[in-house]
């Protein structure tokens, strides 16, 4: 719904204000006031969407600081009105460009009517209501010409003419706003006249005030009871609007049909019309049955909503309680310092009666203050304890409305907790198994490392022993027999290590390859028998033998 607002307020030195400070604040600019000798820096201020200066035809002013310092210098009185502000609300139904054009049109008309300068500042909504689009039009109180500021604009200051002039601008702003809404295709309209509640609502159902706390919760996405009420009211108003449109459409159709010439009704239609109409009774709609998952989601949502609303209320009450407790404790301790002292000296007996009366009066004041402070402290403590039990309170409230659903939800929550406990236990057991396997693998790796080091040392010994035997050079027949003999010796000495066995076999193959390469065509039956015997030794044994040393020697 489009809203209307236009107010006219003066900027007066009698209130300790200045035109330079007002212009700098509204435009988020830096202006050095020459009259006051101060610098007004509001360049860090956010939310300013557009700024622009409007002046009469033939005048060229683009420096905001120069304009408002000149406006200050033109006034001599210490209580002079140095500027005037038009504050307007811009329709949220319009686009940003349309809102800016609307504000610029009003600024131009003010310049044309009064002959002064207008400093326009369009502001975006802040962190609160996102519909608060508005603009500030700061005008000079004197007419501006090519030679500077001239006569005072008295039409807005006059006691008789001023209210009429302001009423003119209120009416004109409503007309400009309605024209812009019509161009944008919006249905809402505004008026500057005060209307009654019935005239404003036009039969629509009213919403309720959310308040700052509930509005902030709604912006964060938290569903509240007041927000649900307003959403239901908005849906009802929309449905009412649709029904009214449908009724108007059908009414127009009936009026059109009545205006047409009457036609003859067939006889069959008359007979059919006389048949009794049997009313058809429709069965009532079946209530929607929620699944357990949907029911749990609804219970959790209601529980969160109640808890959040309760917490917001308690926090607000707690702040007030803390302030009240602080004030009462300060008053109590201040009164304690005024306790009358017992008389001393030679005249103590004479002043004892007056001391008793003063002390009684003091106690009559201190005791109630002490009780009030105690009550304030107790209230703050109770609120703190209630904040700790917000969820329990919300669950009790929800159980009053839907005990069956809440009990079912609690039962499913308990089952889910049991399942989670079993899963956690299974994960813990799996982790222990993995850790045991890792320890076993580490131990196996350690053993294999030790075995590899031992094999490496033995291999070095065998390599040194083979080289020390001074075998004949490869390629001779004698070398083959020598290698075969040394191979058997190595098997007897260092068996059963498979790595050493392969080392000796590789040495034998080295001599065998050299001999065959020397004379490829010459048959070597003895060498073939030795190689065949080695190959047979490397074949896997089907059944384990009792004496492994004999098998290796063979």
Protein backbone atom coordinates (compact mmCIF):
# COMPACT_ATOMS: atom_id res chain seq x y z
CA UNK A 1 0.00 0.00 0.00
CA UNK A 2 1.48 3.38 -1.04
CA UNK A 3 2.15 5.75 1.85
CA UNK A 4 2.03 9.55 1.92
CA UNK A 5 4.33 11.86 3.82
CA UNK A 6 5.40 15.49 3.35
CA UNK A 7 6.56 17.70 6.17
CA UNK A 8 8.10 21.19 6.15
CA UNK A 9 10.54 22.06 8.94
CA UNK A 10 12.75 25.16 9.40
CA UNK A 11 16.47 25.10 10.21
CA UNK A 12 16.95 27.89 12.77
CA UNK A 13 19.96 29.26 14.59
CA UNK A 14 17.77 29.65 17.67
CA UNK A 15 17.85 25.83 17.95
CA UNK A 16 21.64 25.73 17.61
CA UNK A 17 21.50 24.47 14.03
CA UNK A 18 23.21 25.63 10.85
CA UNK A 19 22.51 25.24 7.14
CA UNK A 20 26.04 23.97 6.46
CA UNK A 21 25.71 21.13 8.97
CA UNK A 22 22.23 20.18 7.71
CA UNK A 23 23.39 20.12 4.07
CA UNK A 24 26.53 18.10 4.86
CA UNK A 25 24.58 15.53 6.84
CA UNK A 26 21.84 15.01 4.25
CA UNK A 27 24.23 14.84 1.28
CA UNK A 28 26.95 12.83 3.11
CA UNK A 29 29.45 15.56 2.18
CA UNK A 30 32.24 17.61 3.74
CA UNK A 31 31.45 21.31 4.28
CA UNK A 32 33.61 23.81 6.17
CA UNK A 33 31.40 26.36 7.90
CA UNK A 34 33.06 29.77 7.60
CA UNK A 35 30.76 31.40 10.18
CA UNK A 36 31.35 28.79 12.90
CA UNK A 37 34.90 27.84 11.92
CA UNK A 38 33.96 24.14 12.01
CA UNK A 39 34.27 21.31 9.50
CA UNK A 40 31.19 19.12 9.06
CA UNK A 41 32.44 15.81 7.61
CA UNK A 42 29.78 13.17 6.91
CA UNK A 43 31.52 11.50 3.96
CA UNK A 44 31.45 8.12 5.73
CA UNK A 45 27.68 8.19 6.03
CA UNK A 46 25.94 5.50 3.94
CA UNK A 47 22.47 5.31 2.43
CA UNK A 48 22.61 8.39 0.16
CA UNK A 49 21.50 7.35 -3.33
CA UNK A 50 21.57 10.69 -5.19
CA UNK A 51 22.36 14.37 -4.56
CA UNK A 52 21.65 17.35 -6.82
CA UNK A 53 21.36 21.16 -6.57
CA UNK A 54 18.51 23.04 -8.30
CA UNK A 55 18.70 26.80 -8.82
CA UNK A 56 16.60 29.36 -10.77
CA UNK A 57 17.19 30.01 -14.46
CA UNK A 58 20.25 32.16 -15.11
CA UNK A 59 22.04 31.08 -11.91
CA UNK A 60 24.85 28.55 -11.98
CA UNK A 61 25.83 26.94 -8.65
CA UNK A 62 27.46 23.53 -8.39
CA UNK A 63 29.50 23.87 -5.18
CA UNK A 64 27.44 22.82 -2.18
CA UNK A 65 29.87 24.36 0.31
CA UNK A 66 29.83 27.70 -1.50
CA UNK A 67 26.02 27.75 -1.66
CA UNK A 68 25.33 27.13 2.02
CA UNK A 69 28.16 29.32 3.30
CA UNK A 70 26.64 32.14 1.26
CA UNK A 71 23.21 31.34 2.72
CA UNK A 72 24.68 31.56 6.23
CA UNK A 73 26.44 34.85 5.43
CA UNK A 74 23.21 36.38 4.10
CA UNK A 75 21.55 36.10 7.55
CA UNK A 76 22.63 38.50 10.32
CA UNK A 77 20.26 37.69 13.20
CA UNK A 78 21.39 35.19 15.82
CA UNK A 79 17.96 33.48 15.69
CA UNK A 80 17.56 33.60 11.90
CA UNK A 81 16.04 30.80 9.88
CA UNK A 82 18.84 29.88 7.47
CA UNK A 83 17.16 26.98 5.61
CA UNK A 84 13.92 25.06 5.27
CA UNK A 85 13.54 21.31 4.72
CA UNK A 86 10.88 19.44 2.74
CA UNK A 87 10.91 15.80 3.83
CA UNK A 88 8.99 13.43 1.53
CA UNK A 89 8.33 9.70 1.37
CA UNK A 90 8.90 8.06 -2.02
CA UNK A 91 6.58 5.24 -3.17
CA UNK A 92 8.10 1.79 -2.90
CA UNK A 93 5.92 0.68 -5.84
CA UNK A 94 8.05 2.76 -8.25
CA UNK A 95 11.42 1.88 -9.71
CA UNK A 96 14.55 3.72 -8.47
CA UNK A 97 14.64 5.83 -11.64
CA UNK A 98 10.95 6.73 -11.28
CA UNK A 99 11.42 7.71 -7.62
CA UNK A 100 14.37 9.92 -8.52
CA UNK A 101 12.42 11.59 -11.34
CA UNK A 102 9.50 12.24 -8.99
CA UNK A 103 11.73 13.92 -6.39
CA UNK A 104 13.45 16.00 -9.08
CA UNK A 105 10.08 17.20 -10.40
CA UNK A 106 9.05 18.44 -6.95
CA UNK A 107 12.42 20.24 -6.51
CA UNK A 108 12.01 22.04 -9.85
CA UNK A 109 8.49 23.19 -8.96
CA UNK A 110 9.68 24.57 -5.60
CA UNK A 111 12.41 26.54 -7.39
CA UNK A 112 9.93 27.88 -9.94
CA UNK A 113 7.37 28.93 -7.31
CA UNK A 114 9.66 30.50 -4.69
CA UNK A 115 12.80 31.42 -6.67
CA UNK A 116 15.18 29.90 -4.11
CA UNK A 117 17.80 27.10 -4.30
CA UNK A 118 16.97 23.47 -3.50
CA UNK A 119 19.55 20.85 -2.40
CA UNK A 120 18.06 17.39 -3.11
CA UNK A 121 19.28 14.24 -1.33
CA UNK A 122 17.57 10.90 -2.02
CA UNK A 123 18.12 8.27 0.68
CA UNK A 124 17.84 4.50 0.52
CA UNK A 125 16.23 2.42 3.31
CA UNK A 126 18.48 1.60 6.24
CA UNK A 127 18.73 -1.59 8.30
CA UNK A 128 15.12 -1.28 9.47
CA UNK A 129 12.13 -1.12 7.13
CA UNK A 130 13.27 -1.83 3.56
CA UNK A 131 10.35 0.27 2.24
CA UNK A 132 11.61 3.54 3.74
CA UNK A 133 12.59 5.28 0.50
CA UNK A 134 12.60 9.04 1.17
CA UNK A 135 14.19 12.31 0.13
CA UNK A 136 15.26 15.58 1.80
CA UNK A 137 14.85 18.88 -0.09
CA UNK A 138 16.84 21.54 1.76
CA UNK A 139 15.83 24.99 0.47
CA UNK A 140 17.26 28.44 1.10
CA UNK A 141 15.06 30.98 2.86
CA UNK A 142 16.03 33.74 0.43
CA UNK A 143 15.57 34.09 -3.32
CA UNK A 144 18.68 33.40 -5.38
CA UNK A 145 19.61 35.53 -8.40
CA UNK A 146 22.65 36.13 -10.59
CA UNK A 147 23.94 38.69 -8.03
CA UNK A 148 23.48 36.40 -5.03
CA UNK A 149 20.78 36.06 -2.38
CA UNK A 150 18.00 38.62 -2.37
CA UNK A 151 14.69 39.04 -0.58
CA UNK A 152 13.38 36.69 2.06
CA UNK A 153 10.73 34.09 1.07
CA UNK A 154 8.08 35.22 3.56
CA UNK A 155 5.16 33.25 2.13
CA UNK A 156 6.10 30.15 4.16
CA UNK A 157 6.84 32.09 7.37
CA UNK A 158 3.66 34.18 7.45
CA UNK A 159 1.16 33.08 10.09
CA UNK A 160 -1.81 33.41 7.71
CA UNK A 161 -0.27 32.60 4.35
CA UNK A 162 2.23 29.98 5.60
CA UNK A 163 -0.28 27.17 6.45
CA UNK A 164 -2.07 27.71 3.12
CA UNK A 165 1.22 27.49 1.23
CA UNK A 166 2.20 24.29 3.03
CA UNK A 167 -1.24 22.82 2.30
CA UNK A 168 -0.72 23.66 -1.37
CA UNK A 169 2.53 21.73 -1.42
CA UNK A 170 0.96 18.76 0.38
CA UNK A 171 -1.83 18.62 -2.18
CA UNK A 172 0.61 19.08 -5.06
CA UNK A 173 2.87 16.28 -3.80
CA UNK A 174 -0.10 13.91 -3.56
CA UNK A 175 -1.06 14.75 -7.16
CA UNK A 176 2.49 14.20 -8.44
CA UNK A 177 2.74 10.91 -6.56
CA UNK A 178 -0.60 9.62 -7.94
CA UNK A 179 0.44 10.54 -11.48
CA UNK A 180 3.65 8.56 -11.07
CA UNK A 181 1.75 5.57 -9.63
CA UNK A 182 -0.67 5.66 -12.55
CA UNK A 183 2.17 5.73 -15.08
CA UNK A 184 3.76 2.74 -13.32
CA UNK A 185 0.50 0.76 -13.48
CA UNK A 186 0.04 0.60 -9.70
CA UNK A 187 -3.48 0.46 -8.29
CA UNK A 188 -2.79 2.25 -5.00
CA UNK A 189 -3.36 5.99 -4.63
CA UNK A 190 -2.49 8.50 -1.89
CA UNK A 191 -4.18 11.57 -0.50
CA UNK A 192 -2.97 14.47 1.60
CA UNK A 193 -6.27 14.76 3.46
CA UNK A 194 -6.82 13.24 6.86
CA UNK A 195 -9.18 10.28 6.60
CA UNK A 196 -10.94 8.06 9.09
CA UNK A 197 -9.94 4.49 9.74
CA UNK A 198 -12.90 3.14 7.75
CA UNK A 199 -12.02 5.32 4.77
CA UNK A 200 -8.40 4.23 4.81
CA UNK A 201 -9.02 0.50 5.22
CA UNK A 202 -12.07 0.29 2.88
CA UNK A 203 -13.23 -2.95 4.45
CA UNK A 204 -9.78 -4.58 4.59
CA UNK A 205 -8.80 -6.51 7.70
CA UNK A 206 -6.18 -4.69 9.80
CA UNK A 207 -2.77 -6.10 10.66
CA UNK A 208 -1.06 -5.82 14.03
CA UNK A 209 2.10 -3.93 14.89
CA UNK A 210 5.18 -6.18 14.89
CA UNK A 211 7.54 -4.05 16.93
CA UNK A 212 11.32 -3.77 16.42
CA UNK A 213 12.23 -7.13 18.03
CA UNK A 214 9.68 -9.20 16.10
CA UNK A 215 10.44 -7.33 12.86
CA UNK A 216 14.15 -8.14 13.26
CA UNK A 217 13.31 -11.82 13.88
CA UNK A 218 11.13 -11.90 10.74
CA UNK A 219 13.96 -10.39 8.68
CA UNK A 220 16.27 -13.17 9.92
CA UNK A 221 13.75 -15.77 8.73
CA UNK A 222 12.35 -16.73 12.15
CA UNK A 223 8.62 -17.44 12.00
CA UNK A 224 6.70 -15.55 14.70
CA UNK A 225 3.11 -15.58 15.86
CA UNK A 226 2.54 -11.95 14.91
CA UNK A 227 4.14 -12.49 11.51
CA UNK A 228 1.87 -15.49 10.87
CA UNK A 229 -1.14 -13.36 11.82
CA UNK A 230 -0.17 -10.55 9.44
CA UNK A 231 0.50 -13.03 6.62
CA UNK A 232 -2.91 -14.60 7.16
CA UNK A 233 -4.52 -11.14 7.12
CA UNK A 234 -2.68 -10.25 3.89
CA UNK A 235 -3.88 -13.49 2.27
CA UNK A 236 -7.45 -12.75 3.39
CA UNK A 237 -7.30 -9.22 1.99
CA UNK A 238 -5.95 -10.51 -1.31
CA UNK A 239 -8.71 -13.11 -1.54
CA UNK A 240 -11.29 -10.44 -0.67
CA UNK A 241 -9.90 -8.22 -3.40
CA UNK A 242 -10.14 -11.05 -5.94
CA UNK A 243 -13.75 -11.78 -4.93
CA UNK A 244 -14.70 -8.11 -5.21
CA UNK A 245 -13.17 -7.99 -8.69
CA UNK A 246 -15.11 -11.12 -9.66
CA UNK A 247 -18.35 -9.66 -8.28
CA UNK A 248 -17.80 -6.44 -10.20
CA UNK A 249 -17.14 -8.39 -13.39
CA UNK A 250 -20.28 -10.50 -13.02
CA UNK A 251 -22.33 -7.41 -12.18
CA UNK A 252 -21.18 -5.74 -15.38
CA UNK A 253 -22.09 -8.87 -17.34
CA UNK A 254 -25.60 -8.86 -15.83
CA UNK A 255 -26.05 -5.17 -16.63
CA UNK A 256 -24.99 -5.78 -20.22
CA UNK A 257 -27.39 -8.72 -20.57
CA UNK A 258 -30.25 -6.65 -19.11
CA UNK A 259 -29.56 -3.92 -21.63
CA UNK A 260 -29.86 -6.36 -24.58
CA UNK A 261 -33.34 -6.90 -26.23
CA UNK A 262 -35.20 -9.83 -24.70
CA UNK A 263 -35.28 -13.03 -26.81
CA UNK A 264 -37.93 -15.69 -26.89
CA UNK A 265 -37.24 -18.57 -24.55
CA UNK A 266 -37.81 -22.04 -26.08
CA UNK A 267 -40.51 -24.20 -24.58
CA UNK A 268 -38.08 -26.97 -23.82
CA UNK A 269 -36.09 -24.55 -21.72
CA UNK A 270 -39.26 -23.59 -19.78
CA UNK A 271 -40.09 -27.22 -19.06
CA UNK A 272 -36.57 -27.94 -18.02
CA UNK A 273 -36.64 -24.98 -15.68
CA UNK A 274 -39.69 -26.36 -13.86
CA UNK A 275 -37.95 -29.59 -12.88
CA UNK A 276 -37.09 -29.69 -9.21
CA UNK A 277 -33.47 -29.22 -8.41
CA UNK A 278 -32.03 -31.88 -6.17
CA UNK A 279 -29.36 -30.41 -3.89
CA UNK A 280 -26.06 -32.22 -4.01
CA UNK A 281 -24.32 -32.58 -0.70
CA UNK A 282 -20.55 -32.78 -0.93
CA UNK A 283 -18.72 -34.79 1.68
CA UNK A 284 -16.56 -32.72 3.99
CA UNK A 285 -12.90 -32.62 2.99
CA UNK A 286 -10.73 -35.14 4.72
CA UNK A 287 -8.13 -33.67 7.01
CA UNK A 288 -4.60 -33.98 5.71
CA UNK A 289 -2.70 -36.75 7.43
CA UNK A 290 0.87 -35.73 8.12
CA UNK A 291 3.70 -38.20 7.81
CA UNK A 292 5.93 -38.74 10.86
CA UNK A 293 8.68 -36.67 9.22
CA UNK A 294 6.27 -33.79 8.48
CA UNK A 295 4.82 -34.00 11.98
CA UNK A 296 8.31 -33.87 13.54
CA UNK A 297 9.25 -30.89 11.35
CA UNK A 298 6.08 -29.05 12.39
CA UNK A 299 6.69 -29.75 16.09
CA UNK A 300 10.31 -28.59 15.84
CA UNK A 301 9.26 -25.43 13.98
CA UNK A 302 6.59 -24.58 16.56
CA UNK A 303 9.02 -25.34 19.38
CA UNK A 304 11.67 -23.04 17.88
CA UNK A 305 9.12 -20.29 17.31
CA UNK A 306 7.86 -20.40 20.90
CA UNK A 307 11.40 -20.54 22.28
CA UNK A 308 12.59 -17.59 20.21
CA UNK A 309 9.57 -15.44 21.09
CA UNK A 310 9.91 -16.32 24.78
CA UNK A 311 13.63 -15.54 24.72
CA UNK A 312 13.08 -12.19 23.00
CA UNK A 313 10.49 -11.18 25.60
CA UNK A 314 12.67 -12.31 28.49
CA UNK A 315 15.71 -10.48 27.14
CA UNK A 316 13.72 -7.25 26.86
CA UNK A 317 12.40 -7.70 30.41
CA UNK A 318 15.90 -8.55 31.65
CA UNK A 319 17.30 -5.29 30.30
CA UNK A 320 14.62 -3.31 32.10
CA UNK A 321 15.15 -5.34 35.27
CA UNK A 322 18.90 -4.68 35.23
CA UNK A 323 18.33 -0.95 34.81
CA UNK A 324 15.78 -0.96 37.61
CA UNK A 325 18.08 -2.95 39.91
CA UNK A 326 20.97 -0.56 39.24
CA UNK A 327 18.85 2.49 40.03
CA UNK A 328 17.49 1.00 43.25
CA UNK A 329 20.92 -0.15 44.44
CA UNK A 330 22.36 3.30 43.77
CA UNK A 331 19.51 4.92 45.70
CA UNK A 332 19.91 2.44 48.56
CA UNK A 333 23.70 2.88 48.88
CA UNK A 334 23.38 6.65 48.58
CA UNK A 335 20.89 6.65 51.46
CA UNK A 336 23.21 4.44 53.53
CA UNK A 337 25.83 7.16 53.41
CA UNK A 338 23.41 9.61 55.05
CA UNK A 339 23.03 7.55 58.25
CA UNK A 340 23.11 9.92 61.25
CA UNK A 341 26.04 9.41 63.63
CA UNK A 342 25.48 8.92 67.36
CA UNK A 343 26.28 11.96 69.47
CA UNK A 344 29.54 12.08 71.36
CA UNK A 345 31.02 14.41 73.89
CA UNK A 346 29.63 16.12 76.94
CA UNK A 347 26.28 16.93 75.34
CA UNK A 348 25.70 13.39 74.04
CA UNK A 349 23.01 12.67 76.62
CA UNK A 350 21.14 15.85 75.76
CA UNK A 351 21.19 15.07 72.00
CA UNK A 352 20.31 11.40 72.35
CA UNK A 353 16.57 11.96 71.89
CA UNK A 354 16.98 14.02 68.69
CA UNK A 355 19.46 11.44 67.39
CA UNK A 356 16.89 8.67 67.97
CA UNK A 357 14.22 10.62 66.03
CA UNK A 358 16.61 11.27 63.11
CA UNK A 359 17.70 7.65 63.07
CA UNK A 360 14.09 6.46 63.01
CA UNK A 361 13.34 8.75 60.07
CA UNK A 362 16.45 7.47 58.30
CA UNK A 363 15.44 3.86 58.86
CA UNK A 364 11.94 4.61 57.55
CA UNK A 365 13.57 5.61 54.27
CA UNK A 366 16.36 3.00 54.08
CA UNK A 367 14.30 -0.11 54.88
CA UNK A 368 11.86 0.34 51.95
CA UNK A 369 14.78 1.14 49.63
CA UNK A 370 16.53 -2.04 50.76
CA UNK A 371 13.38 -4.08 50.13
CA UNK A 372 12.94 -2.57 46.68
CA UNK A 373 16.58 -3.34 45.81
CA UNK A 374 16.14 -6.92 47.05
CA UNK A 375 12.99 -7.36 44.95
CA UNK A 376 14.76 -5.99 41.85
CA UNK A 377 17.68 -8.39 42.35
CA UNK A 378 15.33 -11.33 42.88
CA UNK A 379 13.43 -10.42 39.68
CA UNK A 380 16.65 -10.30 37.67
CA UNK A 381 17.71 -13.70 39.05
CA UNK A 382 14.32 -15.23 38.21
CA UNK A 383 14.53 -13.90 34.66
CA UNK A 384 18.04 -15.35 34.27
CA UNK A 385 16.79 -18.74 35.46
CA UNK A 386 13.82 -18.51 33.10
CA UNK A 387 16.19 -17.82 30.19
CA UNK A 388 18.00 -21.09 30.95
CA UNK A 389 14.71 -23.02 30.75
CA UNK A 390 13.26 -21.42 27.63
CA UNK A 391 13.18 -24.69 25.67
CA UNK A 392 11.50 -26.54 28.54
CA UNK A 393 8.86 -23.80 28.80
CA UNK A 394 8.23 -23.92 25.05
CA UNK A 395 7.87 -27.71 25.21
CA UNK A 396 5.35 -27.44 28.06
CA UNK A 397 3.33 -24.82 26.16
CA UNK A 398 3.36 -26.94 23.02
CA UNK A 399 2.28 -30.01 24.98
CA UNK A 400 -0.80 -28.14 26.20
CA UNK A 401 -1.95 -27.53 22.61
CA UNK A 402 -0.96 -30.85 21.02
CA UNK A 403 -0.03 -33.43 23.69
CA UNK A 404 -0.30 -36.45 21.40
CA UNK A 405 1.93 -35.02 18.68
CA UNK A 406 4.53 -33.84 21.21
CA UNK A 407 4.65 -37.24 22.96
CA UNK A 408 5.09 -39.00 19.63
CA UNK A 409 7.84 -36.58 18.67
CA UNK A 410 9.62 -37.13 21.99
CA UNK A 411 9.37 -40.91 21.54
CA UNK A 412 10.87 -40.67 18.06
CA UNK A 413 13.58 -38.38 19.39
CA UNK A 414 14.43 -40.97 22.06
CA UNK A 415 14.60 -43.73 19.42
CA UNK A 416 16.82 -41.54 17.28
CA UNK A 417 19.09 -40.95 20.27
CA UNK A 418 19.40 -44.70 20.82
CA UNK A 419 20.23 -45.23 17.15
CA UNK A 420 22.82 -42.47 17.30
CA UNK A 421 24.35 -44.04 20.42
CA UNK A 422 24.59 -47.43 18.65
CA UNK A 423 26.16 -45.76 15.62
CA UNK A 424 28.67 -43.92 17.80
CA UNK A 425 29.56 -47.19 19.56
CA UNK A 426 29.98 -48.94 16.20
CA UNK A 427 32.18 -46.11 14.95
CA UNK A 428 34.27 -46.33 18.10
CA UNK A 429 34.69 -50.11 17.68
CA UNK A 430 35.58 -49.66 13.99
CA UNK A 431 38.12 -47.01 14.93
CA UNK A 432 39.68 -49.34 17.52
CA UNK A 433 39.84 -52.13 14.91
CA UNK A 434 41.49 -49.81 12.40
CA UNK A 435 43.98 -48.65 15.00
CA UNK A 436 44.81 -52.30 15.92
CA UNK A 437 45.27 -53.14 12.23
CA UNK A 438 47.51 -50.12 11.84
CA UNK A 439 49.61 -51.20 14.82
CA UNK A 440 49.86 -54.74 13.40
CA UNK A 441 50.86 -53.36 10.00
CA UNK A 442 53.49 -51.18 11.64
CA UNK A 443 54.87 -54.18 13.52
CA UNK A 444 54.92 -56.27 10.34
CA UNK A 445 56.68 -53.44 8.49
CA UNK A 446 59.24 -53.26 11.27
CA UNK A 447 59.87 -57.02 11.05
CA UNK A 448 60.18 -56.90 7.26
CA UNK A 449 62.59 -53.98 7.55
CA UNK A 450 64.78 -55.97 9.92
CA UNK A 451 64.58 -58.98 7.58
CA UNK A 452 65.55 -56.80 4.59
CA UNK A 453 68.52 -55.39 6.49
CA UNK A 454 69.66 -58.92 7.39
CA UNK A 455 69.29 -60.08 3.78
CA UNK A 456 71.25 -57.08 2.56
CA UNK A 457 74.11 -57.85 4.95
CA UNK A 458 74.15 -61.56 3.92
CA UNK A 459 74.00 -60.58 0.24
CA UNK A 460 77.03 -58.38 0.72
CA UNK A 461 78.85 -61.31 2.35
CA UNK A 462 77.94 -63.69 -0.51
CA UNK A 463 78.92 -61.14 -3.13
CA UNK A 464 82.30 -60.63 -1.46
CA UNK A 465 82.80 -64.42 -1.10
CA UNK A 466 81.98 -65.09 -4.76
CA UNK A 467 84.38 -62.40 -5.96
CA UNK A 468 87.09 -63.68 -3.64
CA UNK A 469 86.99 -67.16 -5.18
CA UNK A 470 88.48 -65.82 -8.42
CA UNK A 471 86.29 -67.68 -10.85
CA UNK A 472 87.62 -68.20 -14.36
CA UNK A 473 86.53 -65.58 -16.86
CA UNK A 474 83.05 -66.02 -18.40
CA UNK A 475 82.91 -67.80 -21.74
CA UNK A 476 85.03 -70.91 -20.98
CA UNK A 477 83.80 -74.42 -20.43
CA UNK A 478 85.76 -74.66 -17.22
CA UNK A 479 83.91 -71.64 -15.91
CA UNK A 480 80.60 -73.44 -16.26
CA UNK A 481 81.67 -76.31 -14.04
CA UNK A 482 83.26 -73.94 -11.60
CA UNK A 483 80.12 -71.86 -11.40
CA UNK A 484 77.95 -74.95 -10.92
CA UNK A 485 80.23 -76.12 -8.12
CA UNK A 486 80.19 -72.72 -6.42
CA UNK A 487 76.41 -72.56 -6.85
CA UNK A 488 75.98 -75.82 -4.87
CA UNK A 489 78.34 -74.53 -2.19
CA UNK A 490 76.35 -71.34 -1.86
CA UNK A 491 73.11 -73.26 -1.55
CA UNK A 492 74.50 -75.38 1.24
CA UNK A 493 76.06 -72.43 3.02
CA UNK A 494 73.31 -69.78 2.84
CA UNK A 495 70.08 -71.70 2.20
CA UNK A 496 67.11 -71.33 2.67
CA UNK A 497 67.17 -67.58 1.85
CA UNK A 498 65.47 -67.21 -1.50
CA UNK A 499 67.17 -63.86 -2.16
CA UNK A 500 70.67 -65.42 -1.87
CA UNK A 501 69.60 -68.33 -4.03
CA UNK A 502 68.51 -65.94 -6.78
CA UNK A 503 71.82 -64.04 -6.45
CA UNK A 504 73.83 -67.22 -7.09
CA UNK A 505 71.57 -68.23 -9.96
CA UNK A 506 72.04 -64.81 -11.60
CA UNK A 507 75.83 -65.30 -11.40
CA UNK A 508 75.50 -68.69 -13.10
CA UNK A 509 73.29 -67.22 -15.84
CA UNK A 510 75.90 -64.53 -16.45
CA UNK A 511 78.54 -67.17 -17.25
CA UNK A 512 76.06 -69.23 -19.28
CA UNK A 513 75.14 -66.24 -21.49
CA UNK A 514 78.84 -65.39 -22.07
CA UNK A 515 79.65 -68.96 -23.13
CA UNK A 516 76.71 -69.22 -25.56
CA UNK A 517 77.51 -65.84 -27.09
CA UNK A 518 81.12 -66.91 -27.75
CA UNK A 519 80.10 -69.87 -29.95
CA UNK A 520 76.35 -69.79 -30.76
CA UNK A 521 76.31 -72.89 -32.92
CA UNK A 522 78.25 -75.20 -30.64
CA UNK A 523 76.12 -77.63 -28.59
CA UNK A 524 76.63 -77.56 -24.83
CA UNK A 525 74.81 -80.61 -23.43
CA UNK A 526 76.44 -80.36 -20.03
CA UNK A 527 75.42 -76.74 -19.66
CA UNK A 528 71.85 -77.55 -20.74
CA UNK A 529 71.61 -80.26 -18.07
CA UNK A 530 72.79 -77.87 -15.39
CA UNK A 531 70.29 -75.18 -16.48
CA UNK A 532 67.50 -77.79 -16.59
CA UNK A 533 68.37 -78.92 -13.09
CA UNK A 534 68.21 -75.33 -11.87
CA UNK A 535 64.83 -74.78 -13.48
CA UNK A 536 63.46 -77.92 -11.84
CA UNK A 537 64.67 -76.69 -8.50
CA UNK A 538 62.68 -73.48 -8.92
CA UNK A 539 59.38 -75.29 -9.61
CA UNK A 540 56.93 -75.26 -6.66
CA UNK A 541 56.82 -78.48 -4.65
CA UNK A 542 53.35 -80.01 -4.49
CA UNK A 543 53.80 -81.50 -1.04
CA UNK A 544 56.14 -80.28 1.67
CA UNK A 545 59.07 -82.61 2.35
CA UNK A 546 60.35 -83.51 5.75
CA UNK A 547 63.97 -82.67 5.13
CA UNK A 548 64.24 -79.27 3.47
CA UNK A 549 68.04 -79.29 3.43
CA UNK A 550 68.05 -82.44 1.25
CA UNK A 551 65.60 -80.85 -1.21
CA UNK A 552 67.67 -77.69 -1.51
CA UNK A 553 70.89 -79.74 -1.98
CA UNK A 554 69.20 -81.80 -4.67
